């Protein structure tokens, strides 16, 4: 089943399915962050040994490589946090929508 479906002029939300999707999205962000920590740390450690050498060419490579490496690792970290945050935001949206439906149903019955 899909988390939400349009039927006529109504949007139907399968809250359980949408919450499961939001948990999966949060978990994907956490996994991406763990991979960044593990693999990114390995990349940084390997490059700190300057495997390209310390001669003139190695130093030139280092000057151009290091900022790029830092940008990639930073982007990886930020992307992981963003994906995880999307999952959290989706879950909050589902809870807010379900709460609004419950409140509307209560007012309608009163």
PDB file of N, CA and C in Angstrom:
ATOM      1  N   UNK A   1       0.836  -1.173   0.000  1.00  0.00           N
ATOM      2  CA  UNK A   1       0.000   0.000   0.000  1.00  0.00           C
ATOM      3  C   UNK A   1       0.883   1.238   0.000  1.00  0.00           C
ATOM      4  N   UNK A   2       0.395   2.276  -0.615  1.00  0.00           N
ATOM      5  CA  UNK A   2       1.126   3.538  -0.633  1.00  0.00           C
ATOM      6  C   UNK A   2       0.794   4.329   0.624  1.00  0.00           C
ATOM      7  N   UNK A   3       1.752   5.141   1.141  1.00  0.00           N
ATOM      8  CA  UNK A   3       1.496   5.916   2.346  1.00  0.00           C
ATOM      9  C   UNK A   3       0.359   6.927   2.177  1.00  0.00           C
ATOM     10  N   UNK A   4       0.173   7.458   0.953  1.00  0.00           N
ATOM     11  CA  UNK A   4      -0.893   8.427   0.716  1.00  0.00           C
ATOM     12  C   UNK A   4      -1.429   8.213  -0.696  1.00  0.00           C
ATOM     13  N   UNK A   5      -2.722   8.445  -0.863  1.00  0.00           N
ATOM     14  CA  UNK A   5      -3.327   8.295  -2.180  1.00  0.00           C
ATOM     15  C   UNK A   5      -4.405   9.354  -2.353  1.00  0.00           C
ATOM     16  N   UNK A   6      -4.522   9.867  -3.570  1.00  0.00           N
ATOM     17  CA  UNK A   6      -5.578  10.824  -3.901  1.00  0.00           C
ATOM     18  C   UNK A   6      -6.766  10.049  -4.433  1.00  0.00           C
ATOM     19  N   UNK A   7      -7.906  10.245  -3.837  1.00  0.00           N
ATOM     20  CA  UNK A   7      -9.149   9.681  -4.363  1.00  0.00           C
ATOM     21  C   UNK A   7     -10.151  10.815  -4.445  1.00  0.00           C
ATOM     22  N   UNK A   8     -10.550  11.139  -5.650  1.00  0.00           N
ATOM     23  CA  UNK A   8     -11.456  12.273  -5.820  1.00  0.00           C
ATOM     24  C   UNK A   8     -10.767  13.540  -5.357  1.00  0.00           C
ATOM     25  N   UNK A   9     -11.401  14.233  -4.438  1.00  0.00           N
ATOM     26  CA  UNK A   9     -10.831  15.459  -3.878  1.00  0.00           C
ATOM     27  C   UNK A   9     -10.214  15.221  -2.507  1.00  0.00           C
ATOM     28  N   UNK A  10     -10.027  13.974  -2.148  1.00  0.00           N
ATOM     29  CA  UNK A  10      -9.512  13.646  -0.823  1.00  0.00           C
ATOM     30  C   UNK A  10      -8.120  13.030  -0.906  1.00  0.00           C
ATOM     31  N   UNK A  11      -7.350  13.332   0.082  1.00  0.00           N
ATOM     32  CA  UNK A  11      -6.037  12.718   0.235  1.00  0.00           C
ATOM     33  C   UNK A  11      -6.144  11.746   1.394  1.00  0.00           C
ATOM     34  N   UNK A  12      -5.880  10.490   1.137  1.00  0.00           N
ATOM     35  CA  UNK A  12      -5.938   9.475   2.185  1.00  0.00           C
ATOM     36  C   UNK A  12      -4.514   9.114   2.583  1.00  0.00           C
ATOM     37  N   UNK A  13      -4.271   9.171   3.864  1.00  0.00           N
ATOM     38  CA  UNK A  13      -2.950   8.910   4.408  1.00  0.00           C
ATOM     39  C   UNK A  13      -2.977   7.598   5.182  1.00  0.00           C
ATOM     40  N   UNK A  14      -2.132   6.676   4.805  1.00  0.00           N
ATOM     41  CA  UNK A  14      -1.942   5.459   5.599  1.00  0.00           C
ATOM     42  C   UNK A  14      -0.841   5.804   6.594  1.00  0.00           C
ATOM     43  N   UNK A  15      -1.264   6.213   7.784  1.00  0.00           N
ATOM     44  CA  UNK A  15      -0.325   6.729   8.782  1.00  0.00           C
ATOM     45  C   UNK A  15       0.735   5.701   9.155  1.00  0.00           C
ATOM     46  N   UNK A  16       0.329   4.459   9.328  1.00  0.00           N
ATOM     47  CA  UNK A  16       1.302   3.431   9.707  1.00  0.00           C
ATOM     48  C   UNK A  16       2.360   3.246   8.617  1.00  0.00           C
ATOM     49  N   UNK A  17       1.909   3.210   7.379  1.00  0.00           N
ATOM     50  CA  UNK A  17       2.834   3.047   6.256  1.00  0.00           C
ATOM     51  C   UNK A  17       3.748   4.267   6.129  1.00  0.00           C
ATOM     52  N   UNK A  18       3.183   5.453   6.280  1.00  0.00           N
ATOM     53  CA  UNK A  18       3.986   6.676   6.188  1.00  0.00           C
ATOM     54  C   UNK A  18       5.000   6.748   7.333  1.00  0.00           C
ATOM     55  N   UNK A  19       4.599   6.343   8.528  1.00  0.00           N
ATOM     56  CA  UNK A  19       5.542   6.330   9.658  1.00  0.00           C
ATOM     57  C   UNK A  19       6.646   5.307   9.441  1.00  0.00           C
ATOM     58  N   UNK A  20       6.305   4.162   8.860  1.00  0.00           N
ATOM     59  CA  UNK A  20       7.329   3.163   8.543  1.00  0.00           C
ATOM     60  C   UNK A  20       8.314   3.740   7.527  1.00  0.00           C
ATOM     61  N   UNK A  21       7.810   4.455   6.538  1.00  0.00           N
ATOM     62  CA  UNK A  21       8.679   5.094   5.547  1.00  0.00           C
ATOM     63  C   UNK A  21       9.564   6.151   6.170  1.00  0.00           C
ATOM     64  N   UNK A  22       9.007   6.922   7.107  1.00  0.00           N
ATOM     65  CA  UNK A  22       9.813   7.956   7.762  1.00  0.00           C
ATOM     66  C   UNK A  22      10.913   7.329   8.614  1.00  0.00           C
ATOM     67  N   UNK A  23      10.602   6.212   9.270  1.00  0.00           N
ATOM     68  CA  UNK A  23      11.635   5.508  10.052  1.00  0.00           C
ATOM     69  C   UNK A  23      12.728   4.974   9.138  1.00  0.00           C
ATOM     70  N   UNK A  24      12.327   4.456   7.968  1.00  0.00           N
ATOM     71  CA  UNK A  24      13.314   3.951   7.008  1.00  0.00           C
ATOM     72  C   UNK A  24      14.202   5.081   6.498  1.00  0.00           C
ATOM     73  N   UNK A  25      13.615   6.246   6.270  1.00  0.00           N
ATOM     74  CA  UNK A  25      14.386   7.400   5.807  1.00  0.00           C
ATOM     75  C   UNK A  25      15.366   7.857   6.893  1.00  0.00           C
ATOM     76  N   UNK A  26      14.903   7.924   8.118  1.00  0.00           N
ATOM     77  CA  UNK A  26      15.801   8.280   9.224  1.00  0.00           C
ATOM     78  C   UNK A  26      16.931   7.266   9.355  1.00  0.00           C
ATOM     79  N   UNK A  27      16.585   5.987   9.240  1.00  0.00           N
ATOM     80  CA  UNK A  27      17.602   4.932   9.346  1.00  0.00           C
ATOM     81  C   UNK A  27      18.615   5.036   8.204  1.00  0.00           C
ATOM     82  N   UNK A  28      18.143   5.393   7.013  1.00  0.00           N
ATOM     83  CA  UNK A  28      19.056   5.561   5.876  1.00  0.00           C
ATOM     84  C   UNK A  28      20.026   6.704   6.146  1.00  0.00           C
ATOM     85  N   UNK A  29      19.538   7.777   6.737  1.00  0.00           N
ATOM     86  CA  UNK A  29      20.411   8.896   7.089  1.00  0.00           C
ATOM     87  C   UNK A  29      21.428   8.500   8.141  1.00  0.00           C
ATOM     88  N   UNK A  30      20.983   7.730   9.126  1.00  0.00           N
ATOM     89  CA  UNK A  30      21.910   7.250  10.163  1.00  0.00           C
ATOM     90  C   UNK A  30      22.959   6.325   9.556  1.00  0.00           C
ATOM     91  N   UNK A  31      22.542   5.456   8.649  1.00  0.00           N
ATOM     92  CA  UNK A  31      23.483   4.549   7.999  1.00  0.00           C
ATOM     93  C   UNK A  31      24.486   5.330   7.147  1.00  0.00           C
ATOM     94  N   UNK A  32      23.992   6.317   6.425  1.00  0.00           N
ATOM     95  CA  UNK A  32      24.875   7.159   5.621  1.00  0.00           C
ATOM     96  C   UNK A  32      25.891   7.873   6.514  1.00  0.00           C
ATOM     97  N   UNK A  33      25.437   8.338   7.681  1.00  0.00           N
ATOM     98  CA  UNK A  33      26.340   8.983   8.622  1.00  0.00           C
ATOM     99  C   UNK A  33      27.379   8.024   9.180  1.00  0.00           C
ATOM    100  N   UNK A  34      26.965   6.802   9.471  1.00  0.00           N
ATOM    101  CA  UNK A  34      27.906   5.794   9.983  1.00  0.00           C
ATOM    102  C   UNK A  34      28.934   5.442   8.916  1.00  0.00           C
ATOM    103  N   UNK A  35      28.481   5.353   7.671  1.00  0.00           N
ATOM    104  CA  UNK A  35      29.413   5.068   6.576  1.00  0.00           C
ATOM    105  C   UNK A  35      30.387   6.222   6.401  1.00  0.00           C
ATOM    106  N   UNK A  36      29.883   7.429   6.542  1.00  0.00           N
ATOM    107  CA  UNK A  36      30.764   8.608   6.441  1.00  0.00           C
ATOM    108  C   UNK A  36      31.817   8.556   7.537  1.00  0.00           C
ATOM    109  N   UNK A  37      31.391   8.241   8.745  1.00  0.00           N
ATOM    110  CA  UNK A  37      32.332   8.193   9.850  1.00  0.00           C
ATOM    111  C   UNK A  37      33.387   7.118   9.614  1.00  0.00           C
ATOM    112  N   UNK A  38      32.944   5.947   9.223  1.00  0.00           N
ATOM    113  CA  UNK A  38      33.867   4.821   9.035  1.00  0.00           C
ATOM    114  C   UNK A  38      34.761   5.024   7.808  1.00  0.00           C
ATOM    115  N   UNK A  39      34.158   5.158   6.655  1.00  0.00           N
ATOM    116  CA  UNK A  39      34.919   5.261   5.412  1.00  0.00           C
ATOM    117  C   UNK A  39      35.600   6.619   5.287  1.00  0.00           C
ATOM    118  N   UNK A  40      34.916   7.669   5.692  1.00  0.00           N
ATOM    119  CA  UNK A  40      35.518   9.001   5.625  1.00  0.00           C
ATOM    120  C   UNK A  40      36.752   9.108   6.502  1.00  0.00           C
ATOM    121  N   UNK A  41      36.708   8.481   7.667  1.00  0.00           N
ATOM    122  CA  UNK A  41      37.870   8.467   8.548  1.00  0.00           C
ATOM    123  C   UNK A  41      39.018   7.694   7.895  1.00  0.00           C
ATOM    124  N   UNK A  42      38.688   6.592   7.241  1.00  0.00           N
ATOM    125  CA  UNK A  42      39.718   5.815   6.542  1.00  0.00           C
ATOM    126  C   UNK A  42      40.346   6.628   5.404  1.00  0.00           C
ATOM    127  N   UNK A  43      39.511   7.341   4.661  1.00  0.00           N
ATOM    128  CA  UNK A  43      40.020   8.169   3.562  1.00  0.00           C
ATOM    129  C   UNK A  43      40.958   9.246   4.103  1.00  0.00           C
ATOM    130  N   UNK A  44      40.506   9.941   5.155  1.00  0.00           N
ATOM    131  CA  UNK A  44      41.330  11.008   5.733  1.00  0.00           C
ATOM    132  C   UNK A  44      42.643  10.463   6.284  1.00  0.00           C
ATOM    133  N   UNK A  45      42.586   9.308   6.922  1.00  0.00           N
ATOM    134  CA  UNK A  45      43.807   8.711   7.472  1.00  0.00           C
ATOM    135  C   UNK A  45      44.763   8.312   6.356  1.00  0.00           C
ATOM    136  N   UNK A  46      44.242   7.708   5.316  1.00  0.00           N
ATOM    137  CA  UNK A  46      45.093   7.279   4.207  1.00  0.00           C
ATOM    138  C   UNK A  46      45.724   8.478   3.503  1.00  0.00           C
ATOM    139  N   UNK A  47      44.955   9.530   3.327  1.00  0.00           N
ATOM    140  CA  UNK A  47      45.504  10.682   2.612  1.00  0.00           C
ATOM    141  C   UNK A  47      46.466  11.490   3.470  1.00  0.00           C
ATOM    142  N   UNK A  48      46.347  11.394   4.786  1.00  0.00           N
ATOM    143  CA  UNK A  48      47.272  12.143   5.647  1.00  0.00           C
ATOM    144  C   UNK A  48      48.693  11.592   5.535  1.00  0.00           C
ATOM    145  N   UNK A  49      48.824  10.362   5.065  1.00  0.00           N
ATOM    146  CA  UNK A  49      50.149   9.771   4.853  1.00  0.00           C
ATOM    147  C   UNK A  49      50.778  10.267   3.548  1.00  0.00           C
ATOM    148  N   UNK A  50      50.037  11.087   2.803  1.00  0.00           N
ATOM    149  CA  UNK A  50      50.504  11.647   1.528  1.00  0.00           C
ATOM    150  C   UNK A  50      51.065  10.564   0.608  1.00  0.00           C
ATOM    151  N   UNK A  51      50.224   9.611   0.215  1.00  0.00           N
ATOM    152  CA  UNK A  51      50.703   8.530  -0.646  1.00  0.00           C
ATOM    153  C   UNK A  51      51.185   9.029  -2.006  1.00  0.00           C
ATOM    154  N   UNK A  52      50.910  10.250  -2.348  1.00  0.00           N
ATOM    155  CA  UNK A  52      51.344  10.825  -3.624  1.00  0.00           C
ATOM    156  C   UNK A  52      52.741  11.412  -3.531  1.00  0.00           C
ATOM    157  N   UNK A  53      53.328  11.346  -2.350  1.00  0.00           N
ATOM    158  CA  UNK A  53      54.705  11.786  -2.166  1.00  0.00           C
ATOM    159  C   UNK A  53      54.808  13.190  -1.586  1.00  0.00           C
ATOM    160  N   UNK A  54      55.996  13.528  -1.177  1.00  0.00           N
ATOM    161  CA  UNK A  54      56.228  14.823  -0.543  1.00  0.00           C
ATOM    162  C   UNK A  54      57.187  15.696  -1.359  1.00  0.00           C
ATOM    163  N   UNK A  55      57.405  15.280  -2.601  1.00  0.00           N
ATOM    164  CA  UNK A  55      58.237  16.101  -3.473  1.00  0.00           C
ATOM    165  C   UNK A  55      57.404  17.271  -3.989  1.00  0.00           C
ATOM    166  N   UNK A  56      57.939  18.013  -4.917  1.00  0.00           N
ATOM    167  CA  UNK A  56      57.256  19.191  -5.457  1.00  0.00           C
ATOM    168  C   UNK A  56      55.885  18.822  -6.030  1.00  0.00           C
ATOM    169  N   UNK A  57      55.808  17.706  -6.756  1.00  0.00           N
ATOM    170  CA  UNK A  57      54.549  17.289  -7.375  1.00  0.00           C
ATOM    171  C   UNK A  57      53.548  16.813  -6.316  1.00  0.00           C
ATOM    172  N   UNK A  58      54.062  16.114  -5.323  1.00  0.00           N
ATOM    173  CA  UNK A  58      53.211  15.662  -4.230  1.00  0.00           C
ATOM    174  C   UNK A  58      52.641  16.831  -3.447  1.00  0.00           C
ATOM    175  N   UNK A  59      53.473  17.828  -3.188  1.00  0.00           N
ATOM    176  CA  UNK A  59      52.996  19.024  -2.461  1.00  0.00           C
ATOM    177  C   UNK A  59      51.957  19.779  -3.282  1.00  0.00           C
ATOM    178  N   UNK A  60      52.188  19.852  -4.577  1.00  0.00           N
ATOM    179  CA  UNK A  60      51.224  20.522  -5.452  1.00  0.00           C
ATOM    180  C   UNK A  60      49.883  19.784  -5.442  1.00  0.00           C
ATOM    181  N   UNK A  61      49.966  18.456  -5.530  1.00  0.00           N
ATOM    182  CA  UNK A  61      48.739  17.655  -5.465  1.00  0.00           C
ATOM    183  C   UNK A  61      48.029  17.882  -4.134  1.00  0.00           C
ATOM    184  N   UNK A  62      48.784  17.866  -3.052  1.00  0.00           N
ATOM    185  CA  UNK A  62      48.225  18.066  -1.705  1.00  0.00           C
ATOM    186  C   UNK A  62      47.460  19.384  -1.608  1.00  0.00           C
ATOM    187  N   UNK A  63      48.054  20.432  -2.128  1.00  0.00           N
ATOM    188  CA  UNK A  63      47.428  21.759  -2.069  1.00  0.00           C
ATOM    189  C   UNK A  63      46.064  21.756  -2.750  1.00  0.00           C
ATOM    190  N   UNK A  64      45.951  21.027  -3.836  1.00  0.00           N
ATOM    191  CA  UNK A  64      44.681  20.994  -4.570  1.00  0.00           C
ATOM    192  C   UNK A  64      43.728  19.914  -4.059  1.00  0.00           C
ATOM    193  N   UNK A  65      44.294  18.843  -3.551  1.00  0.00           N
ATOM    194  CA  UNK A  65      43.471  17.721  -3.101  1.00  0.00           C
ATOM    195  C   UNK A  65      42.800  17.995  -1.762  1.00  0.00           C
ATOM    196  N   UNK A  66      43.554  18.507  -0.788  1.00  0.00           N
ATOM    197  CA  UNK A  66      43.055  18.613   0.593  1.00  0.00           C
ATOM    198  C   UNK A  66      41.735  19.389   0.699  1.00  0.00           C
ATOM    199  N   UNK A  67      41.592  20.570   0.088  1.00  0.00           N
ATOM    200  CA  UNK A  67      40.301  21.267   0.190  1.00  0.00           C
ATOM    201  C   UNK A  67      39.151  20.454  -0.409  1.00  0.00           C
ATOM    202  N   UNK A  68      39.426  19.769  -1.507  1.00  0.00           N
ATOM    203  CA  UNK A  68      38.391  18.955  -2.136  1.00  0.00           C
ATOM    204  C   UNK A  68      37.977  17.819  -1.207  1.00  0.00           C
ATOM    205  N   UNK A  69      38.949  17.146  -0.616  1.00  0.00           N
ATOM    206  CA  UNK A  69      38.648  16.063   0.326  1.00  0.00           C
ATOM    207  C   UNK A  69      37.788  16.582   1.481  1.00  0.00           C
ATOM    208  N   UNK A  70      38.158  17.712   2.028  1.00  0.00           N
ATOM    209  CA  UNK A  70      37.396  18.284   3.145  1.00  0.00           C
ATOM    210  C   UNK A  70      35.976  18.627   2.730  1.00  0.00           C
ATOM    211  N   UNK A  71      35.808  19.179   1.533  1.00  0.00           N
ATOM    212  CA  UNK A  71      34.465  19.515   1.048  1.00  0.00           C
ATOM    213  C   UNK A  71      33.606  18.267   0.868  1.00  0.00           C
ATOM    214  N   UNK A  72      34.190  17.227   0.302  1.00  0.00           N
ATOM    215  CA  UNK A  72      33.436  15.990   0.083  1.00  0.00           C
ATOM    216  C   UNK A  72      33.026  15.369   1.413  1.00  0.00           C
ATOM    217  N   UNK A  73      33.951  15.295   2.360  1.00  0.00           N
ATOM    218  CA  UNK A  73      33.629  14.706   3.657  1.00  0.00           C
ATOM    219  C   UNK A  73      32.593  15.536   4.412  1.00  0.00           C
ATOM    220  N   UNK A  74      32.700  16.841   4.315  1.00  0.00           N
ATOM    221  CA  UNK A  74      31.708  17.734   4.949  1.00  0.00           C
ATOM    222  C   UNK A  74      30.331  17.562   4.305  1.00  0.00           C
ATOM    223  N   UNK A  75      30.296  17.510   2.967  1.00  0.00           N
ATOM    224  CA  UNK A  75      29.017  17.331   2.259  1.00  0.00           C
ATOM    225  C   UNK A  75      28.392  15.989   2.612  1.00  0.00           C
ATOM    226  N   UNK A  76      29.201  14.964   2.717  1.00  0.00           N
ATOM    227  CA  UNK A  76      28.729  13.630   3.077  1.00  0.00           C
ATOM    228  C   UNK A  76      28.084  13.661   4.457  1.00  0.00           C
ATOM    229  N   UNK A  77      28.738  14.310   5.382  1.00  0.00           N
ATOM    230  CA  UNK A  77      28.215  14.423   6.747  1.00  0.00           C
ATOM    231  C   UNK A  77      26.907  15.211   6.784  1.00  0.00           C
ATOM    232  N   UNK A  78      26.876  16.324   6.068  1.00  0.00           N
ATOM    233  CA  UNK A  78      25.672  17.156   6.042  1.00  0.00           C
ATOM    234  C   UNK A  78      24.512  16.439   5.360  1.00  0.00           C
ATOM    235  N   UNK A  79      24.804  15.699   4.288  1.00  0.00           N
ATOM    236  CA  UNK A  79      23.761  14.942   3.595  1.00  0.00           C
ATOM    237  C   UNK A  79      23.158  13.886   4.513  1.00  0.00           C
ATOM    238  N   UNK A  80      23.996  13.200   5.264  1.00  0.00           N
ATOM    239  CA  UNK A  80      23.504  12.181   6.200  1.00  0.00           C
ATOM    240  C   UNK A  80      22.562  12.808   7.223  1.00  0.00           C
ATOM    241  N   UNK A  81      22.964  13.942   7.776  1.00  0.00           N
ATOM    242  CA  UNK A  81      22.118  14.625   8.760  1.00  0.00           C
ATOM    243  C   UNK A  81      20.813  15.098   8.116  1.00  0.00           C
ATOM    244  N   UNK A  82      20.889  15.582   6.895  1.00  0.00           N
ATOM    245  CA  UNK A  82      19.704  16.063   6.195  1.00  0.00           C
ATOM    246  C   UNK A  82      18.711  14.935   5.930  1.00  0.00           C
ATOM    247  N   UNK A  83      19.208  13.806   5.450  1.00  0.00           N
ATOM    248  CA  UNK A  83      18.328  12.664   5.162  1.00  0.00           C
ATOM    249  C   UNK A  83      17.667  12.174   6.444  1.00  0.00           C
ATOM    250  N   UNK A  84      18.447  12.073   7.499  1.00  0.00           N
ATOM    251  CA  UNK A  84      17.889  11.661   8.784  1.00  0.00           C
ATOM    252  C   UNK A  84      16.830  12.655   9.253  1.00  0.00           C
ATOM    253  N   UNK A  85      17.122  13.938   9.096  1.00  0.00           N
ATOM    254  CA  UNK A  85      16.166  14.977   9.474  1.00  0.00           C
ATOM    255  C   UNK A  85      14.891  14.938   8.651  1.00  0.00           C
ATOM    256  N   UNK A  86      15.004  14.568   7.376  1.00  0.00           N
ATOM    257  CA  UNK A  86      13.803  14.428   6.544  1.00  0.00           C
ATOM    258  C   UNK A  86      12.885  13.344   7.101  1.00  0.00           C
ATOM    259  N   UNK A  87      13.480  12.248   7.533  1.00  0.00           N
ATOM    260  CA  UNK A  87      12.679  11.179   8.131  1.00  0.00           C
ATOM    261  C   UNK A  87      11.970  11.660   9.384  1.00  0.00           C
ATOM    262  N   UNK A  88      12.687  12.396  10.222  1.00  0.00           N
ATOM    263  CA  UNK A  88      12.083  12.941  11.449  1.00  0.00           C
ATOM    264  C   UNK A  88      10.959  13.918  11.118  1.00  0.00           C
ATOM    265  N   UNK A  89      11.193  14.771  10.116  1.00  0.00           N
ATOM    266  CA  UNK A  89      10.172  15.749   9.714  1.00  0.00           C
ATOM    267  C   UNK A  89       8.942  15.049   9.127  1.00  0.00           C
ATOM    268  N   UNK A  90       9.166  13.998   8.354  1.00  0.00           N
ATOM    269  CA  UNK A  90       8.035  13.258   7.786  1.00  0.00           C
ATOM    270  C   UNK A  90       7.200  12.628   8.892  1.00  0.00           C
ATOM    271  N   UNK A  91       7.864  12.054   9.883  1.00  0.00           N
ATOM    272  CA  UNK A  91       7.138  11.448  11.005  1.00  0.00           C
ATOM    273  C   UNK A  91       6.334  12.507  11.753  1.00  0.00           C
ATOM    274  N   UNK A  92       6.922  13.667  11.964  1.00  0.00           N
ATOM    275  CA  UNK A  92       6.204  14.746  12.655  1.00  0.00           C
ATOM    276  C   UNK A  92       5.000  15.202  11.842  1.00  0.00           C
ATOM    277  N   UNK A  93       5.167  15.259  10.528  1.00  0.00           N
ATOM    278  CA  UNK A  93       4.055  15.647   9.663  1.00  0.00           C
ATOM    279  C   UNK A  93       2.901  14.651   9.767  1.00  0.00           C
ATOM    280  N   UNK A  94       3.234  13.361   9.785  1.00  0.00           N
ATOM    281  CA  UNK A  94       2.197  12.331   9.924  1.00  0.00           C
ATOM    282  C   UNK A  94       1.483  12.505  11.258  1.00  0.00           C
ATOM    283  N   UNK A  95       2.246  12.659  12.326  1.00  0.00           N
ATOM    284  CA  UNK A  95       1.623  12.838  13.656  1.00  0.00           C
ATOM    285  C   UNK A  95       0.740  14.083  13.682  1.00  0.00           C
ATOM    286  N   UNK A  96       1.214  15.169  13.078  1.00  0.00           N
ATOM    287  CA  UNK A  96       0.415  16.405  13.039  1.00  0.00           C
ATOM    288  C   UNK A  96      -0.877  16.200  12.255  1.00  0.00           C
ATOM    289  N   UNK A  97      -0.794  15.519  11.119  1.00  0.00           N
ATOM    290  CA  UNK A  97      -1.985  15.286  10.299  1.00  0.00           C
ATOM    291  C   UNK A  97      -2.983  14.374  10.996  1.00  0.00           C
ATOM    292  N   UNK A  98      -2.485  13.322  11.629  1.00  0.00           N
ATOM    293  CA  UNK A  98      -3.383  12.424  12.365  1.00  0.00           C
ATOM    294  C   UNK A  98      -4.025  13.177  13.522  1.00  0.00           C
ATOM    295  N   UNK A  99      -3.244  13.976  14.213  1.00  0.00           N
ATOM    296  CA  UNK A  99      -3.788  14.779  15.313  1.00  0.00           C
ATOM    297  C   UNK A  99      -4.849  15.757  14.838  1.00  0.00           C
ATOM    298  N   UNK A 100      -4.617  16.384  13.694  1.00  0.00           N
ATOM    299  CA  UNK A 100      -5.603  17.320  13.140  1.00  0.00           C
ATOM    300  C   UNK A 100      -6.887  16.581  12.774  1.00  0.00           C
ATOM    301  N   UNK A 101      -6.758  15.385  12.216  1.00  0.00           N
ATOM    302  CA  UNK A 101      -7.947  14.592  11.876  1.00  0.00           C
ATOM    303  C   UNK A 101      -8.731  14.214  13.138  1.00  0.00           C
ATOM    304  N   UNK A 102      -8.022  13.816  14.173  1.00  0.00           N
ATOM    305  CA  UNK A 102      -8.683  13.445  15.439  1.00  0.00           C
ATOM    306  C   UNK A 102      -9.405  14.658  16.020  1.00  0.00           C
ATOM    307  N   UNK A 103      -8.730  15.803  16.022  1.00  0.00           N
ATOM    308  CA  UNK A 103      -9.365  17.034  16.538  1.00  0.00           C
ATOM    309  C   UNK A 103     -10.589  17.413  15.721  1.00  0.00           C
ATOM    310  N   UNK A 104     -10.477  17.319  14.387  1.00  0.00           N
ATOM    311  CA  UNK A 104     -11.612  17.663  13.530  1.00  0.00           C
ATOM    312  C   UNK A 104     -12.788  16.700  13.756  1.00  0.00           C
ATOM    313  N   UNK A 105     -12.489  15.427  13.913  1.00  0.00           N
ATOM    314  CA  UNK A 105     -13.545  14.452  14.156  1.00  0.00           C
ATOM    315  C   UNK A 105     -14.231  14.733  15.497  1.00  0.00           C
ATOM    316  N   UNK A 106     -13.475  15.092  16.496  1.00  0.00           N
ATOM    317  CA  UNK A 106     -14.038  15.404  17.811  1.00  0.00           C
ATOM    318  C   UNK A 106     -14.946  16.644  17.731  1.00  0.00           C
ATOM    319  N   UNK A 107     -14.497  17.680  17.012  1.00  0.00           N
ATOM    320  CA  UNK A 107     -15.318  18.896  16.877  1.00  0.00           C
ATOM    321  C   UNK A 107     -16.566  18.589  16.054  1.00  0.00           C
ATOM    322  N   UNK A 108     -16.450  17.732  15.068  1.00  0.00           N
ATOM    323  CA  UNK A 108     -17.581  17.416  14.215  1.00  0.00           C
ATOM    324  C   UNK A 108     -18.660  16.681  15.011  1.00  0.00           C
ATOM    325  N   UNK A 109     -18.240  15.787  15.915  1.00  0.00           N
ATOM    326  CA  UNK A 109     -19.185  15.012  16.718  1.00  0.00           C
ATOM    327  C   UNK A 109     -19.840  15.844  17.800  1.00  0.00           C
ATOM    328  N   UNK A 110     -19.197  16.930  18.191  1.00  0.00           N
ATOM    329  CA  UNK A 110     -19.726  17.759  19.296  1.00  0.00           C
ATOM    330  C   UNK A 110     -20.890  18.599  18.890  1.00  0.00           C
TER     331      UNK A 110
END
